[in-house]
Amino acid sequence: KVEHKDYRWGMVIDLDACTGCSACVAACYVENNVPVVGPELHLRGREMSWLRIEPYHEEYGATLQPMLCQHCDHAPCEPVCPVFAAYHNPEGLNAQVYNRCVGTRYCSNNCPYKVRRFNWFAPQWPKPMERMLNPEVMSRVSGVMEKCTFCVQRIRMAKDHAKDRKRKVLDGEVVPACAQTCPARAITFGNLKDTNSR
């Protein structure tokens, strides 16, 4: 069992509140420098979105479910990576070391949620799209796996801010891009070790 000392990050999504507007998907693309591949490559299964809205059609209509990395405690993607690029960090995140990844895609094959993405091509940023790249997030190269990180750059920023004030991160100080942009406020993020967390 993994022991989490101060932080164990987690996210809940209220499926009754979610309207399926995909604002969270767009925010994730922009915040994390996720490349857009276009309709042709999308149809070939080369889409790069870290977060998708899945419709489930039933007799009475469609149910919408946001699907992103679940940051599993015993993640099936981690033990199959031959170079330990996929690992569980001390704060409960299922992390990915892009510089270590050699692109075997074993992690993607083992992921039951199919939320890991393989960079088939070097990302293209045609003008003026290069201006919207987030300098806090590296742009991944071709041949590596990538996935949702719970906006780890925002977690780091909040921890640095808290460290300067000699305290822990307070509830609500870390807000991933998807949660920040959700108009229905269906996404809540916080520290599972904090009993007062939303």
C-alpha atoms as a PDB file:
ATOM      1  CA  LYS A   1       0.000   0.000   0.000  1.00  0.00           C
ATOM      2  CA  VAL A   2       1.270   3.464  -0.931  1.00  0.00           C
ATOM      3  CA  GLU A   3       1.526   5.925   1.946  1.00  0.00           C
ATOM      4  CA  HIS A   4       0.691   9.536   1.091  1.00  0.00           C
ATOM      5  CA  LYS A   5       2.261  11.886   3.631  1.00  0.00           C
ATOM      6  CA  ASP A   6       0.703  15.337   3.124  1.00  0.00           C
ATOM      7  CA  TYR A   7      -1.196  15.229  -0.138  1.00  0.00           C
ATOM      8  CA  ARG A   8      -3.225  12.715  -2.087  1.00  0.00           C
ATOM      9  CA  TRP A   9      -4.777  14.505  -5.022  1.00  0.00           C
ATOM     10  CA  GLY A  10      -8.184  13.443  -6.249  1.00  0.00           C
ATOM     11  CA  MET A  11     -10.996  14.571  -8.498  1.00  0.00           C
ATOM     12  CA  VAL A  12     -14.730  13.966  -8.457  1.00  0.00           C
ATOM     13  CA  ILE A  13     -17.106  14.693 -11.327  1.00  0.00           C
ATOM     14  CA  ASP A  14     -20.826  15.162 -10.724  1.00  0.00           C
ATOM     15  CA  LEU A  15     -22.313  13.329 -13.701  1.00  0.00           C
ATOM     16  CA  ASP A  16     -25.761  14.772 -12.971  1.00  0.00           C
ATOM     17  CA  ALA A  17     -24.351  18.298 -13.314  1.00  0.00           C
ATOM     18  CA  CYS A  18     -22.249  17.621 -16.445  1.00  0.00           C
ATOM     19  CA  THR A  19     -23.936  18.925 -19.601  1.00  0.00           C
ATOM     20  CA  GLY A  20     -21.395  17.481 -22.029  1.00  0.00           C
ATOM     21  CA  CYS A  21     -20.438  20.937 -23.350  1.00  0.00           C
ATOM     22  CA  SER A  22     -16.750  19.913 -23.762  1.00  0.00           C
ATOM     23  CA  ALA A  23     -15.425  23.148 -22.259  1.00  0.00           C
ATOM     24  CA  CYS A  24     -13.189  20.989 -20.054  1.00  0.00           C
ATOM     25  CA  VAL A  25     -11.793  19.234 -23.147  1.00  0.00           C
ATOM     26  CA  ALA A  26     -10.933  22.557 -24.823  1.00  0.00           C
ATOM     27  CA  ALA A  27      -9.350  23.916 -21.626  1.00  0.00           C
ATOM     28  CA  CYS A  28      -7.211  20.795 -21.276  1.00  0.00           C
ATOM     29  CA  TYR A  29      -5.952  21.149 -24.855  1.00  0.00           C
ATOM     30  CA  VAL A  30      -4.886  24.763 -24.283  1.00  0.00           C
ATOM     31  CA  GLU A  31      -3.462  24.388 -20.752  1.00  0.00           C
ATOM     32  CA  ASN A  32      -1.367  21.306 -21.510  1.00  0.00           C
ATOM     33  CA  ASN A  33      -0.203  22.038 -25.081  1.00  0.00           C
ATOM     34  CA  VAL A  34      -2.095  19.043 -26.456  1.00  0.00           C
ATOM     35  CA  PRO A  35      -1.726  19.016 -30.254  1.00  0.00           C
ATOM     36  CA  VAL A  36      -4.798  19.046 -32.505  1.00  0.00           C
ATOM     37  CA  VAL A  37      -4.501  16.367 -35.191  1.00  0.00           C
ATOM     38  CA  GLY A  38      -7.450  17.191 -37.441  1.00  0.00           C
ATOM     39  CA  PRO A  39     -10.426  15.144 -38.654  1.00  0.00           C
ATOM     40  CA  GLU A  40      -8.511  12.670 -40.856  1.00  0.00           C
ATOM     41  CA  LEU A  41      -6.088  11.531 -38.138  1.00  0.00           C
ATOM     42  CA  HIS A  42      -8.895  11.573 -35.581  1.00  0.00           C
ATOM     43  CA  LEU A  43     -10.809   9.024 -37.668  1.00  0.00           C
ATOM     44  CA  ARG A  44      -7.644   6.892 -37.803  1.00  0.00           C
ATOM     45  CA  GLY A  45      -7.505   6.814 -33.988  1.00  0.00           C
ATOM     46  CA  ARG A  46      -4.671   9.323 -33.625  1.00  0.00           C
ATOM     47  CA  GLU A  47      -6.565  11.857 -31.495  1.00  0.00           C
ATOM     48  CA  MET A  48      -4.505  13.338 -28.651  1.00  0.00           C
ATOM     49  CA  SER A  49      -7.151  14.565 -26.183  1.00  0.00           C
ATOM     50  CA  TRP A  50      -6.313  13.788 -22.553  1.00  0.00           C
ATOM     51  CA  LEU A  51      -9.984  14.223 -21.649  1.00  0.00           C
ATOM     52  CA  ARG A  52     -12.975  13.137 -23.708  1.00  0.00           C
ATOM     53  CA  ILE A  53     -16.737  13.202 -23.300  1.00  0.00           C
ATOM     54  CA  GLU A  54     -18.197   9.730 -23.853  1.00  0.00           C
ATOM     55  CA  PRO A  55     -21.881   9.422 -24.789  1.00  0.00           C
ATOM     56  CA  TYR A  56     -23.754   6.307 -23.716  1.00  0.00           C
ATOM     57  CA  HIS A  57     -26.989   5.857 -25.637  1.00  0.00           C
ATOM     58  CA  GLU A  58     -29.859   4.268 -23.765  1.00  0.00           C
ATOM     59  CA  GLU A  59     -33.610   3.887 -24.278  1.00  0.00           C
ATOM     60  CA  TYR A  60     -34.449   7.218 -22.670  1.00  0.00           C
ATOM     61  CA  GLY A  61     -31.592   9.210 -24.262  1.00  0.00           C
ATOM     62  CA  ALA A  62     -27.857   9.719 -23.975  1.00  0.00           C
ATOM     63  CA  THR A  63     -25.787   9.807 -20.810  1.00  0.00           C
ATOM     64  CA  LEU A  64     -22.564  11.829 -20.971  1.00  0.00           C
ATOM     65  CA  GLN A  65     -19.446  10.878 -19.061  1.00  0.00           C
ATOM     66  CA  PRO A  66     -16.136  12.760 -18.990  1.00  0.00           C
ATOM     67  CA  MET A  67     -13.279  10.261 -19.257  1.00  0.00           C
ATOM     68  CA  LEU A  68      -9.723  11.062 -18.220  1.00  0.00           C
ATOM     69  CA  CYS A  69      -6.871   9.304 -16.435  1.00  0.00           C
ATOM     70  CA  GLN A  70      -8.252   7.828 -13.215  1.00  0.00           C
ATOM     71  CA  HIS A  71      -4.849   8.012 -11.459  1.00  0.00           C
ATOM     72  CA  CYS A  72      -5.386   4.480 -10.174  1.00  0.00           C
ATOM     73  CA  ASP A  73      -3.818   3.434  -6.863  1.00  0.00           C
ATOM     74  CA  HIS A  74      -2.595   0.172  -8.387  1.00  0.00           C
ATOM     75  CA  ALA A  75      -2.430   1.382 -11.976  1.00  0.00           C
ATOM     76  CA  PRO A  76      -2.159  -1.406 -14.551  1.00  0.00           C
ATOM     77  CA  CYS A  77      -0.162   0.899 -16.833  1.00  0.00           C
ATOM     78  CA  GLU A  78       2.754   1.224 -14.390  1.00  0.00           C
ATOM     79  CA  PRO A  79       4.181  -2.297 -13.967  1.00  0.00           C
ATOM     80  CA  VAL A  80       4.267  -3.000 -17.718  1.00  0.00           C
ATOM     81  CA  CYS A  81       6.488  -0.031 -18.595  1.00  0.00           C
ATOM     82  CA  PRO A  82       9.987  -1.453 -19.272  1.00  0.00           C
ATOM     83  CA  VAL A  83      11.728   1.865 -18.542  1.00  0.00           C
ATOM     84  CA  PHE A  84       9.626   3.002 -15.537  1.00  0.00           C
ATOM     85  CA  ALA A  85       8.337   6.060 -17.414  1.00  0.00           C
ATOM     86  CA  ALA A  86       4.900   5.452 -15.897  1.00  0.00           C
ATOM     87  CA  TYR A  87       5.058   5.594 -12.109  1.00  0.00           C
ATOM     88  CA  HIS A  88       2.985   6.404  -9.023  1.00  0.00           C
ATOM     89  CA  ASN A  89       4.248   9.522  -7.301  1.00  0.00           C
ATOM     90  CA  PRO A  90       4.091  10.087  -3.511  1.00  0.00           C
ATOM     91  CA  GLU A  91       1.040  12.358  -3.881  1.00  0.00           C
ATOM     92  CA  GLY A  92      -1.185   9.780  -5.573  1.00  0.00           C
ATOM     93  CA  LEU A  93      -0.663  10.894  -9.154  1.00  0.00           C
ATOM     94  CA  ASN A  94      -0.109   8.384 -11.917  1.00  0.00           C
ATOM     95  CA  ALA A  95       2.764  10.290 -13.497  1.00  0.00           C
ATOM     96  CA  GLN A  96       4.576  10.001 -16.817  1.00  0.00           C
ATOM     97  CA  VAL A  97       8.254  10.842 -17.405  1.00  0.00           C
ATOM     98  CA  TYR A  98       8.280  11.945 -21.040  1.00  0.00           C
ATOM     99  CA  ASN A  99      12.083  12.022 -21.307  1.00  0.00           C
ATOM    100  CA  ARG A 100      12.281   8.404 -20.169  1.00  0.00           C
ATOM    101  CA  CYS A 101       9.472   7.051 -22.378  1.00  0.00           C
ATOM    102  CA  VAL A 102      10.594   4.951 -25.356  1.00  0.00           C
ATOM    103  CA  GLY A 103       7.110   4.530 -26.819  1.00  0.00           C
ATOM    104  CA  THR A 104       6.439   0.814 -26.402  1.00  0.00           C
ATOM    105  CA  ARG A 105       2.741   1.630 -25.765  1.00  0.00           C
ATOM    106  CA  TYR A 106       2.444  -1.225 -23.266  1.00  0.00           C
ATOM    107  CA  CYS A 107       0.868   1.242 -20.824  1.00  0.00           C
ATOM    108  CA  SER A 108      -1.816   2.146 -23.336  1.00  0.00           C
ATOM    109  CA  ASN A 109      -2.556  -1.507 -24.039  1.00  0.00           C
ATOM    110  CA  ASN A 110      -2.931  -2.158 -20.304  1.00  0.00           C
ATOM    111  CA  CYS A 111      -5.087   0.897 -19.515  1.00  0.00           C
ATOM    112  CA  PRO A 112      -8.729  -0.196 -19.042  1.00  0.00           C
ATOM    113  CA  TYR A 113      -9.945   3.394 -19.600  1.00  0.00           C
ATOM    114  CA  LYS A 114      -7.972   3.978 -22.845  1.00  0.00           C
ATOM    115  CA  VAL A 115      -6.896   7.457 -21.772  1.00  0.00           C
ATOM    116  CA  ARG A 116      -3.196   7.337 -22.671  1.00  0.00           C
ATOM    117  CA  ARG A 117      -2.187   8.911 -25.966  1.00  0.00           C
ATOM    118  CA  PHE A 118       0.753   8.133 -28.228  1.00  0.00           C
ATOM    119  CA  ASN A 119       2.399  10.995 -30.079  1.00  0.00           C
ATOM    120  CA  TRP A 120       2.623   9.573 -33.599  1.00  0.00           C
ATOM    121  CA  PHE A 121       3.971  12.787 -35.096  1.00  0.00           C
ATOM    122  CA  ALA A 122       5.904  15.828 -33.970  1.00  0.00           C
ATOM    123  CA  PRO A 123       3.243  18.363 -32.923  1.00  0.00           C
ATOM    124  CA  GLN A 124       2.494  21.108 -35.429  1.00  0.00           C
ATOM    125  CA  TRP A 125       1.641  24.614 -34.233  1.00  0.00           C
ATOM    126  CA  PRO A 126       0.698  26.650 -37.330  1.00  0.00           C
ATOM    127  CA  LYS A 127       0.615  30.423 -36.929  1.00  0.00           C
ATOM    128  CA  PRO A 128      -0.800  31.987 -34.814  1.00  0.00           C
ATOM    129  CA  MET A 129      -1.346  28.862 -32.655  1.00  0.00           C
ATOM    130  CA  GLU A 130       2.254  28.873 -31.400  1.00  0.00           C
ATOM    131  CA  ARG A 131       1.379  31.991 -29.382  1.00  0.00           C
ATOM    132  CA  MET A 132      -1.054  30.053 -27.185  1.00  0.00           C
ATOM    133  CA  LEU A 133       1.492  27.481 -25.987  1.00  0.00           C
ATOM    134  CA  ASN A 134       1.701  27.340 -22.206  1.00  0.00           C
ATOM    135  CA  PRO A 135       5.325  28.007 -21.144  1.00  0.00           C
ATOM    136  CA  GLU A 136       4.708  26.069 -17.900  1.00  0.00           C
ATOM    137  CA  VAL A 137       4.210  22.803 -19.830  1.00  0.00           C
ATOM    138  CA  MET A 138       6.686  21.143 -22.141  1.00  0.00           C
ATOM    139  CA  SER A 139       5.521  20.263 -25.640  1.00  0.00           C
ATOM    140  CA  ARG A 140       6.022  16.533 -26.074  1.00  0.00           C
ATOM    141  CA  VAL A 141       7.967  15.066 -28.994  1.00  0.00           C
ATOM    142  CA  SER A 142       6.872  12.249 -31.289  1.00  0.00           C
ATOM    143  CA  GLY A 143       7.234   8.682 -30.062  1.00  0.00           C
ATOM    144  CA  VAL A 144       6.156   9.172 -26.435  1.00  0.00           C
ATOM    145  CA  MET A 145       3.025   8.439 -24.446  1.00  0.00           C
ATOM    146  CA  GLU A 146       1.171  11.286 -22.766  1.00  0.00           C
ATOM    147  CA  LYS A 147      -1.844  11.577 -20.500  1.00  0.00           C
ATOM    148  CA  CYS A 148      -3.757  13.683 -17.990  1.00  0.00           C
ATOM    149  CA  THR A 149      -1.526  14.944 -15.184  1.00  0.00           C
ATOM    150  CA  PHE A 150      -4.230  16.670 -13.094  1.00  0.00           C
ATOM    151  CA  CYS A 151      -2.419  19.853 -14.283  1.00  0.00           C
ATOM    152  CA  VAL A 152       0.682  19.030 -12.255  1.00  0.00           C
ATOM    153  CA  GLN A 153       2.143  22.448 -13.154  1.00  0.00           C
ATOM    154  CA  ARG A 154      -0.679  24.084 -11.201  1.00  0.00           C
ATOM    155  CA  ILE A 155      -0.094  21.731  -8.266  1.00  0.00           C
ATOM    156  CA  ARG A 156       3.601  22.687  -8.268  1.00  0.00           C
ATOM    157  CA  MET A 157       2.746  26.387  -8.397  1.00  0.00           C
ATOM    158  CA  ALA A 158       0.331  26.085  -5.452  1.00  0.00           C
ATOM    159  CA  LYS A 159       2.912  24.111  -3.444  1.00  0.00           C
ATOM    160  CA  ASP A 160       5.580  26.752  -4.128  1.00  0.00           C
ATOM    161  CA  HIS A 161       3.145  29.478  -3.073  1.00  0.00           C
ATOM    162  CA  ALA A 162       2.313  27.581   0.141  1.00  0.00           C
ATOM    163  CA  LYS A 163       5.988  26.868   0.870  1.00  0.00           C
ATOM    164  CA  ASP A 164       6.772  30.608   0.666  1.00  0.00           C
ATOM    165  CA  ARG A 165       4.137  31.116   3.364  1.00  0.00           C
ATOM    166  CA  LYS A 166       5.402  28.132   5.404  1.00  0.00           C
ATOM    167  CA  ARG A 167       2.141  26.200   5.261  1.00  0.00           C
ATOM    168  CA  LYS A 168       0.413  23.421   3.339  1.00  0.00           C
ATOM    169  CA  VAL A 169      -1.693  23.947   0.222  1.00  0.00           C
ATOM    170  CA  LEU A 170      -5.202  25.041   1.213  1.00  0.00           C
ATOM    171  CA  ASP A 171      -8.375  23.603  -0.262  1.00  0.00           C
ATOM    172  CA  GLY A 172      -9.266  25.364  -3.498  1.00  0.00           C
ATOM    173  CA  GLU A 173      -5.740  26.603  -4.224  1.00  0.00           C
ATOM    174  CA  VAL A 174      -5.211  23.939  -6.888  1.00  0.00           C
ATOM    175  CA  VAL A 175      -7.774  24.085  -9.663  1.00  0.00           C
ATOM    176  CA  PRO A 176      -7.031  22.076 -12.835  1.00  0.00           C
ATOM    177  CA  ALA A 177      -7.946  23.708 -16.146  1.00  0.00           C
ATOM    178  CA  CYS A 178     -10.924  21.396 -16.666  1.00  0.00           C
ATOM    179  CA  ALA A 179     -12.425  22.286 -13.273  1.00  0.00           C
ATOM    180  CA  GLN A 180     -11.712  25.984 -13.732  1.00  0.00           C
ATOM    181  CA  THR A 181     -13.562  26.184 -17.030  1.00  0.00           C
ATOM    182  CA  CYS A 182     -16.552  23.923 -16.263  1.00  0.00           C
ATOM    183  CA  PRO A 183     -19.655  26.151 -16.459  1.00  0.00           C
ATOM    184  CA  ALA A 184     -21.736  23.642 -14.496  1.00  0.00           C
ATOM    185  CA  ARG A 185     -19.089  23.321 -11.758  1.00  0.00           C
ATOM    186  CA  ALA A 186     -19.325  19.561 -12.134  1.00  0.00           C
ATOM    187  CA  ILE A 187     -15.601  18.989 -11.473  1.00  0.00           C
ATOM    188  CA  THR A 188     -14.114  19.269  -7.982  1.00  0.00           C
ATOM    189  CA  PHE A 189     -10.420  18.767  -7.251  1.00  0.00           C
ATOM    190  CA  GLY A 190      -8.598  18.624  -3.953  1.00  0.00           C
ATOM    191  CA  ASN A 191      -6.516  16.849  -1.361  1.00  0.00           C
ATOM    192  CA  LEU A 192      -8.109  13.587  -0.204  1.00  0.00           C
ATOM    193  CA  LYS A 193      -6.008  13.790   2.996  1.00  0.00           C
ATOM    194  CA  ASP A 194      -7.800  17.009   3.948  1.00  0.00           C
ATOM    195  CA  THR A 195     -10.989  16.044   5.780  1.00  0.00           C
ATOM    196  CA  ASN A 196     -12.416  19.545   5.202  1.00  0.00           C
ATOM    197  CA  SER A 197     -11.798  19.471   1.467  1.00  0.00           C
ATOM    198  CA  ARG A 198     -14.795  19.981  -0.809  1.00  0.00           C
END
